[in-house]
């Protein structure tokens, strides 16, 4: 009888203990709260919360990743390195972000060689990681090896065409060395892939400067020889390549036609829309071999926008970040057109994928 009573007590105790074990809902809730605290500047509080949570869920890759992020924000890079190294050793639940985070922690701790080794080790397991290629590029850029940096950004585009940061980095680097055409193309693709962030605002400002550099000004009048000006001031590139020459020629012709047609005194969204429309007609004329010879998802997208009546709204959207007053004025006057475009964009993202992407070396080997 006593044996049965003891057995019954043991069963009740085990059931009670099981009922007190944290649930997955609890894990998600606490993790969310900790990340919220971190995002709002309470890094130390977040670290304490994540440390307690890790005691309940040992070797949880997501918790460790966020805890390492907190350590790095708190400049405690060695603690971040320690827990990430242990995770890689003890868990199979590791992805490319873990290697990227560990490499970043090494880099911020001044251990550049180990950072690079970590990124490359991650690529052995995740060869299609756009993030790891991007991190390597950023490291090379920081140590002033621009050639190696752009090589990794562009390789990252090839292996992971929809990973937006590589387009951003490639655009900024091409801009810095004066290769405005390539910066322009990378930059606009980036803005389509990553929408509504501070980085897209920054890119929008760069593209605005690019558009404005298409012309020279004198007493608010456009100088007559815009073809020469564009070739010298905007599209001239270090190497004389056929793709660059062709795009330059077609954009120059489109630009001249748009300026004359609209009697333009500045390159606002409406002028940009007209330039894009005219370029599409010049690039995709019936029988043209240009789209097949020089495939480009951005030009394909411009054509789709034109064909489906969305190019004007798109060009307004592209200026939203750097000229919000003009955009809001247009939006207030065209609420229906804007609403249709937003829905259209959701259903028709730019067609960048493994079979259709853009990198400079497609045209320059």
Protein backbone atom coordinates (compact mmCIF):
# COMPACT_ATOMS: atom_id res chain seq x y z
CA UNK A 1 0.00 0.00 0.00
CA UNK A 2 2.82 2.39 0.95
CA UNK A 3 4.58 1.59 -2.35
CA UNK A 4 1.44 2.60 -4.30
CA UNK A 5 1.13 5.84 -2.31
CA UNK A 6 4.78 6.74 -2.95
CA UNK A 7 4.37 5.92 -6.63
CA UNK A 8 1.30 8.13 -6.82
CA UNK A 9 3.17 11.00 -5.14
CA UNK A 10 6.09 10.63 -7.57
CA UNK A 11 3.74 10.76 -10.55
CA UNK A 12 2.04 13.89 -9.19
CA UNK A 13 5.40 15.56 -8.58
CA UNK A 14 6.59 14.78 -12.10
CA UNK A 15 3.38 16.13 -13.62
CA UNK A 16 3.67 19.27 -11.50
CA UNK A 17 7.30 19.78 -12.56
CA UNK A 18 6.40 19.27 -16.20
CA UNK A 19 3.63 21.82 -15.92
CA UNK A 20 6.17 24.37 -14.66
CA UNK A 21 8.57 23.92 -17.58
CA UNK A 22 8.67 27.02 -19.79
CA UNK A 23 6.66 26.82 -22.97
CA UNK A 24 7.64 27.86 -26.48
CA UNK A 25 5.21 30.75 -26.16
CA UNK A 26 7.12 31.90 -23.06
CA UNK A 27 10.43 31.68 -24.95
CA UNK A 28 9.13 33.75 -27.86
CA UNK A 29 7.56 36.34 -25.57
CA UNK A 30 10.68 36.80 -23.42
CA UNK A 31 12.95 36.85 -26.46
CA UNK A 32 10.78 39.52 -28.05
CA UNK A 33 10.87 41.63 -24.89
CA UNK A 34 14.64 41.37 -24.65
CA UNK A 35 15.12 42.37 -28.28
CA UNK A 36 12.70 45.27 -27.79
CA UNK A 37 14.75 46.52 -24.83
CA UNK A 38 17.94 46.24 -26.89
CA UNK A 39 16.46 48.09 -29.85
CA UNK A 40 15.35 50.88 -27.54
CA UNK A 41 18.75 51.39 -25.96
CA UNK A 42 18.44 49.30 -22.78
CA UNK A 43 21.29 47.00 -23.78
CA UNK A 44 22.35 45.90 -20.30
CA UNK A 45 18.80 45.09 -19.29
CA UNK A 46 18.43 43.08 -22.48
CA UNK A 47 21.65 41.17 -21.73
CA UNK A 48 20.33 40.24 -18.27
CA UNK A 49 17.04 39.05 -19.72
CA UNK A 50 18.73 37.00 -22.44
CA UNK A 51 21.20 35.47 -19.97
CA UNK A 52 18.34 34.22 -17.79
CA UNK A 53 16.49 32.95 -20.83
CA UNK A 54 19.56 31.06 -22.00
CA UNK A 55 19.64 29.18 -18.69
CA UNK A 56 16.22 27.76 -19.58
CA UNK A 57 17.12 27.07 -23.24
CA UNK A 58 20.83 26.13 -23.40
CA UNK A 59 22.47 26.23 -26.85
CA UNK A 60 19.47 28.06 -28.34
CA UNK A 61 21.04 29.64 -31.43
CA UNK A 62 18.60 32.55 -31.64
CA UNK A 63 19.04 33.53 -27.99
CA UNK A 64 22.82 33.25 -28.25
CA UNK A 65 22.84 35.34 -31.43
CA UNK A 66 20.84 38.11 -29.75
CA UNK A 67 22.94 37.91 -26.59
CA UNK A 68 26.10 38.21 -28.69
CA UNK A 69 24.56 41.25 -30.38
CA UNK A 70 24.00 42.79 -26.96
CA UNK A 71 27.57 42.06 -25.89
CA UNK A 72 28.89 43.71 -29.07
CA UNK A 73 26.71 46.78 -28.53
CA UNK A 74 28.09 46.90 -25.00
CA UNK A 75 31.62 46.58 -26.46
CA UNK A 76 32.15 43.30 -24.64
CA UNK A 77 33.45 41.54 -27.71
CA UNK A 78 35.24 38.76 -25.87
CA UNK A 79 32.01 37.57 -24.24
CA UNK A 80 30.33 37.58 -27.62
CA UNK A 81 33.18 35.56 -29.13
CA UNK A 82 33.07 33.06 -26.27
CA UNK A 83 29.38 32.20 -26.53
CA UNK A 84 29.41 32.11 -30.33
CA UNK A 85 32.45 29.81 -30.44
CA UNK A 86 30.77 27.50 -27.92
CA UNK A 87 27.60 27.47 -30.00
CA UNK A 88 29.48 26.48 -33.15
CA UNK A 89 31.27 23.70 -31.26
CA UNK A 90 28.24 22.31 -29.45
CA UNK A 91 25.27 22.82 -31.75
CA UNK A 92 24.22 21.78 -35.23
CA UNK A 93 21.68 24.59 -35.30
CA UNK A 94 24.10 27.12 -36.81
CA UNK A 95 23.58 29.27 -39.88
CA UNK A 96 25.57 31.82 -41.85
CA UNK A 97 24.41 34.64 -39.54
CA UNK A 98 26.22 33.01 -36.62
CA UNK A 99 29.49 32.96 -38.57
CA UNK A 100 28.91 36.54 -39.67
CA UNK A 101 28.28 37.62 -36.09
CA UNK A 102 31.37 35.82 -34.80
CA UNK A 103 33.48 37.37 -37.56
CA UNK A 104 32.13 40.79 -36.69
CA UNK A 105 32.97 40.29 -33.01
CA UNK A 106 36.53 39.29 -33.92
CA UNK A 107 36.82 42.32 -36.20
CA UNK A 108 35.52 44.76 -33.57
CA UNK A 109 37.94 43.19 -31.07
CA UNK A 110 40.81 44.07 -33.40
CA UNK A 111 41.41 40.48 -34.56
CA UNK A 112 41.12 41.06 -38.29
CA UNK A 113 42.85 37.85 -39.39
CA UNK A 114 40.55 35.70 -37.23
CA UNK A 115 37.55 37.64 -38.51
CA UNK A 116 38.45 36.91 -42.11
CA UNK A 117 39.12 33.25 -41.29
CA UNK A 118 35.71 32.99 -39.63
CA UNK A 119 33.87 34.50 -42.60
CA UNK A 120 35.69 32.15 -44.97
CA UNK A 121 34.99 29.17 -42.73
CA UNK A 122 31.33 30.10 -42.84
CA UNK A 123 31.45 30.16 -46.64
CA UNK A 124 32.69 26.57 -46.61
CA UNK A 125 29.39 25.56 -45.02
CA UNK A 126 27.21 28.25 -46.63
CA UNK A 127 28.70 29.01 -50.06
CA UNK A 128 25.58 30.89 -51.17
CA UNK A 129 25.61 33.35 -48.29
CA UNK A 130 25.34 36.90 -49.60
CA UNK A 131 25.82 38.14 -46.05
CA UNK A 132 29.21 36.50 -45.58
CA UNK A 133 30.48 37.88 -48.89
CA UNK A 134 29.23 41.29 -47.83
CA UNK A 135 30.98 41.10 -44.45
CA UNK A 136 34.26 40.16 -46.13
CA UNK A 137 33.85 43.07 -48.51
CA UNK A 138 33.19 45.49 -45.65
CA UNK A 139 36.31 44.24 -43.85
CA UNK A 140 38.46 44.73 -46.96
CA UNK A 141 36.96 48.16 -47.49
CA UNK A 142 37.81 49.16 -43.94
CA UNK A 143 41.45 48.15 -44.38
CA UNK A 144 41.51 50.11 -47.67
CA UNK A 145 41.61 47.19 -50.10
CA UNK A 146 38.87 48.47 -52.39
CA UNK A 147 39.55 46.04 -55.22
CA UNK A 148 39.07 43.00 -52.98
CA UNK A 149 36.02 44.65 -51.41
CA UNK A 150 34.14 45.21 -54.67
CA UNK A 151 35.04 41.71 -55.83
CA UNK A 152 33.31 40.24 -52.79
CA UNK A 153 30.28 42.54 -52.99
CA UNK A 154 29.74 41.58 -56.61
CA UNK A 155 30.34 37.88 -56.00
CA UNK A 156 27.77 38.15 -53.22
CA UNK A 157 25.28 39.48 -55.77
CA UNK A 158 25.95 36.51 -58.04
CA UNK A 159 25.42 33.87 -55.35
CA UNK A 160 22.54 35.64 -53.57
CA UNK A 161 20.93 38.10 -56.02
CA UNK A 162 18.19 39.24 -53.65
CA UNK A 163 20.50 40.05 -50.72
CA UNK A 164 20.22 43.83 -50.92
CA UNK A 165 23.24 45.05 -48.88
CA UNK A 166 25.71 43.91 -51.54
CA UNK A 167 24.04 46.24 -54.08
CA UNK A 168 24.22 49.07 -51.54
CA UNK A 169 27.92 48.54 -50.86
CA UNK A 170 28.74 48.09 -54.54
CA UNK A 171 26.88 51.29 -55.42
CA UNK A 172 28.61 53.35 -52.74
CA UNK A 173 32.03 52.03 -53.68
CA UNK A 174 31.51 52.59 -57.41
CA UNK A 175 30.29 56.12 -56.62
CA UNK A 176 33.38 56.81 -54.49
CA UNK A 177 35.75 55.96 -57.35
CA UNK A 178 33.76 57.96 -59.91
CA UNK A 179 32.03 55.11 -61.73
CA UNK A 180 28.63 56.80 -61.68
CA UNK A 181 26.86 54.57 -64.20
CA UNK A 182 27.49 51.44 -62.16
CA UNK A 183 26.62 53.23 -58.93
CA UNK A 184 23.35 54.37 -60.49
CA UNK A 185 22.34 50.87 -61.62
CA UNK A 186 23.34 49.11 -58.39
CA UNK A 187 21.70 51.85 -56.33
CA UNK A 188 18.29 51.73 -57.97
CA UNK A 189 18.18 47.93 -57.79
CA UNK A 190 19.02 48.19 -54.09
CA UNK A 191 16.14 50.62 -53.51
CA UNK A 192 13.75 48.13 -55.06
CA UNK A 193 15.02 45.22 -52.96
CA UNK A 194 15.17 47.07 -49.64
CA UNK A 195 12.34 49.54 -49.21
CA UNK A 196 11.52 52.06 -46.52
CA UNK A 197 14.75 52.01 -44.48
CA UNK A 198 17.30 54.65 -43.50
CA UNK A 199 19.67 53.05 -45.99
CA UNK A 200 17.24 53.52 -48.86
CA UNK A 201 16.90 57.17 -47.85
CA UNK A 202 20.68 57.51 -48.03
CA UNK A 203 20.76 55.78 -51.39
CA UNK A 204 17.96 58.02 -52.66
CA UNK A 205 20.07 61.06 -51.86
CA UNK A 206 23.01 59.61 -53.78
CA UNK A 207 20.83 58.84 -56.79
CA UNK A 208 19.40 62.36 -56.66
CA UNK A 209 22.92 63.75 -56.99
CA UNK A 210 23.51 61.37 -59.88
CA UNK A 211 20.45 62.60 -61.74
CA UNK A 212 21.38 66.22 -61.16
CA UNK A 213 24.90 65.64 -62.44
CA UNK A 214 23.43 64.69 -65.79
CA UNK A 215 23.42 68.38 -66.65
CA UNK A 216 25.32 71.58 -65.94
CA UNK A 217 23.59 74.77 -64.89
CA UNK A 218 24.03 78.41 -65.78
CA UNK A 219 21.49 80.97 -64.59
CA UNK A 220 18.90 78.18 -64.22
CA UNK A 221 19.21 77.39 -67.93
CA UNK A 222 20.28 74.06 -69.30
CA UNK A 223 23.41 74.44 -71.43
CA UNK A 224 22.98 73.52 -75.04
CA UNK A 225 25.47 70.71 -75.56
CA UNK A 226 24.03 68.24 -73.10
CA UNK A 227 25.45 65.27 -75.02
CA UNK A 228 29.03 66.41 -74.45
CA UNK A 229 28.26 67.37 -70.88
CA UNK A 230 26.79 63.98 -70.07
CA UNK A 231 29.71 62.14 -71.60
CA UNK A 232 32.22 64.24 -69.69
CA UNK A 233 30.46 64.92 -66.43
CA UNK A 234 28.29 61.89 -65.83
CA UNK A 235 28.76 58.69 -67.76
CA UNK A 236 32.48 58.76 -68.42
CA UNK A 237 34.02 55.62 -66.93
CA UNK A 238 37.62 54.46 -66.35
CA UNK A 239 37.34 51.76 -69.00
CA UNK A 240 35.91 52.24 -72.46
CA UNK A 241 33.36 49.40 -72.57
CA UNK A 242 30.60 48.78 -75.06
CA UNK A 243 27.85 48.37 -72.46
CA UNK A 244 28.77 51.69 -70.89
CA UNK A 245 28.89 53.41 -74.27
CA UNK A 246 25.53 52.00 -75.34
CA UNK A 247 23.72 52.85 -72.11
CA UNK A 248 25.33 56.29 -72.09
CA UNK A 249 24.22 56.98 -75.65
CA UNK A 250 20.64 55.82 -75.07
CA UNK A 251 20.30 57.71 -71.79
CA UNK A 252 21.79 60.83 -73.37
CA UNK A 253 19.27 60.66 -76.20
CA UNK A 254 16.44 59.99 -73.73
CA UNK A 255 17.60 62.85 -71.54
CA UNK A 256 17.77 65.34 -74.41
CA UNK A 257 14.30 64.37 -75.63
CA UNK A 258 12.77 64.57 -72.15
CA UNK A 259 14.26 67.98 -71.40
CA UNK A 260 13.02 69.42 -74.68
CA UNK A 261 9.58 67.83 -74.44
CA UNK A 262 8.96 69.05 -70.89
CA UNK A 263 10.95 72.29 -71.14
CA UNK A 264 12.62 71.09 -67.96
CA UNK A 265 14.57 73.36 -65.64
CA UNK A 266 15.39 70.63 -63.13
CA UNK A 267 15.47 66.84 -63.00
CA UNK A 268 12.41 66.18 -60.89
CA UNK A 269 10.35 62.99 -60.72
CA UNK A 270 8.35 63.79 -63.85
CA UNK A 271 11.50 64.37 -65.90
CA UNK A 272 13.00 61.17 -64.55
CA UNK A 273 9.87 59.28 -65.58
CA UNK A 274 10.11 60.72 -69.08
CA UNK A 275 13.81 59.82 -69.32
CA UNK A 276 13.10 56.25 -68.24
CA UNK A 277 10.22 55.95 -70.70
CA UNK A 278 12.28 57.22 -73.62
CA UNK A 279 15.20 55.00 -72.68
CA UNK A 280 12.95 51.94 -72.62
CA UNK A 281 11.72 52.71 -76.14
CA UNK A 282 15.30 53.13 -77.36
CA UNK A 283 16.60 50.00 -75.63
CA UNK A 284 13.70 47.68 -76.42
CA UNK A 285 12.78 48.77 -79.94
CA UNK A 286 11.38 45.96 -82.08
CA UNK A 287 14.21 43.81 -83.36
CA UNK A 288 16.73 45.18 -80.86
CA UNK A 289 19.39 42.75 -79.69
CA UNK A 290 20.37 44.92 -76.72
CA UNK A 291 18.11 43.25 -74.11
CA UNK A 292 19.42 39.82 -75.04
CA UNK A 293 23.06 40.87 -75.41
CA UNK A 294 23.11 42.95 -72.21
CA UNK A 295 20.45 41.51 -69.87
CA UNK A 296 19.56 43.84 -67.04
CA UNK A 297 16.69 43.32 -64.55
CA UNK A 298 16.39 47.05 -63.89
CA UNK A 299 15.79 47.86 -67.56
CA UNK A 300 13.32 44.97 -67.76
CA UNK A 301 11.50 46.45 -64.77
CA UNK A 302 11.38 49.91 -66.32
CA UNK A 303 9.77 48.34 -69.39
CA UNK A 304 7.19 46.53 -67.29
CA UNK A 305 6.41 49.72 -65.39
CA UNK A 306 5.95 51.60 -68.66
CA UNK A 307 3.85 48.87 -70.27
CA UNK A 308 1.54 48.68 -67.25
CA UNK A 309 1.19 52.41 -66.71
CA UNK A 310 3.11 52.60 -63.43
CA UNK A 311 6.28 54.44 -64.46
CA UNK A 312 5.21 57.91 -63.30
CA UNK A 313 4.15 56.69 -59.84
CA UNK A 314 7.36 54.65 -59.61
CA UNK A 315 9.50 57.68 -60.41
CA UNK A 316 7.64 59.67 -57.75
CA UNK A 317 8.24 56.85 -55.26
CA UNK A 318 11.96 56.87 -56.08
CA UNK A 319 12.18 60.54 -55.03
CA UNK A 320 10.22 60.09 -51.80
CA UNK A 321 13.28 59.84 -49.56
CA UNK A 322 15.14 62.96 -50.69
CA UNK A 323 12.28 65.24 -51.78
CA UNK A 324 9.40 64.38 -49.43
CA UNK A 325 7.56 67.67 -49.93
CA UNK A 326 7.32 67.21 -53.69
CA UNK A 327 6.32 63.58 -53.26
CA UNK A 328 3.60 64.38 -50.72
CA UNK A 329 2.27 67.11 -52.99
CA UNK A 330 2.03 64.65 -55.88
CA UNK A 331 0.53 61.99 -53.63
CA UNK A 332 -2.17 64.38 -52.37
CA UNK A 333 -3.12 65.21 -55.95
CA UNK A 334 -3.09 61.57 -57.14
CA UNK A 335 -4.41 59.42 -54.25
CA UNK A 336 -6.04 56.82 -56.51
CA UNK A 337 -2.98 56.48 -58.75
CA UNK A 338 -0.77 56.10 -55.69
CA UNK A 339 -3.00 53.45 -54.12
CA UNK A 340 -3.04 51.45 -57.34
CA UNK A 341 0.75 51.66 -57.57
CA UNK A 342 1.32 50.46 -54.00
CA UNK A 343 -0.78 47.37 -54.66
CA UNK A 344 0.93 46.87 -58.01
CA UNK A 345 4.36 47.00 -56.38
CA UNK A 346 3.36 44.38 -53.84
CA UNK A 347 2.28 42.06 -56.64
CA UNK A 348 5.13 42.91 -59.01
CA UNK A 349 8.52 43.17 -57.29
CA UNK A 350 11.61 43.67 -59.40
CA UNK A 351 12.54 40.39 -61.10
CA UNK A 352 15.92 39.80 -59.50
CA UNK A 353 16.75 36.13 -58.95
CA UNK A 354 19.40 33.47 -59.56
CA UNK A 355 18.67 33.49 -63.29
CA UNK A 356 18.34 37.26 -63.68
CA UNK A 357 20.70 39.57 -61.83
CA UNK A 358 23.07 42.43 -62.55
CA UNK A 359 26.78 42.71 -61.88
CA UNK A 360 29.43 44.68 -63.70
CA UNK A 361 31.50 41.66 -64.65
CA UNK A 362 28.63 40.35 -66.77
CA UNK A 363 29.78 42.90 -69.31
CA UNK A 364 33.45 43.40 -68.37
CA UNK A 365 35.42 40.21 -67.90
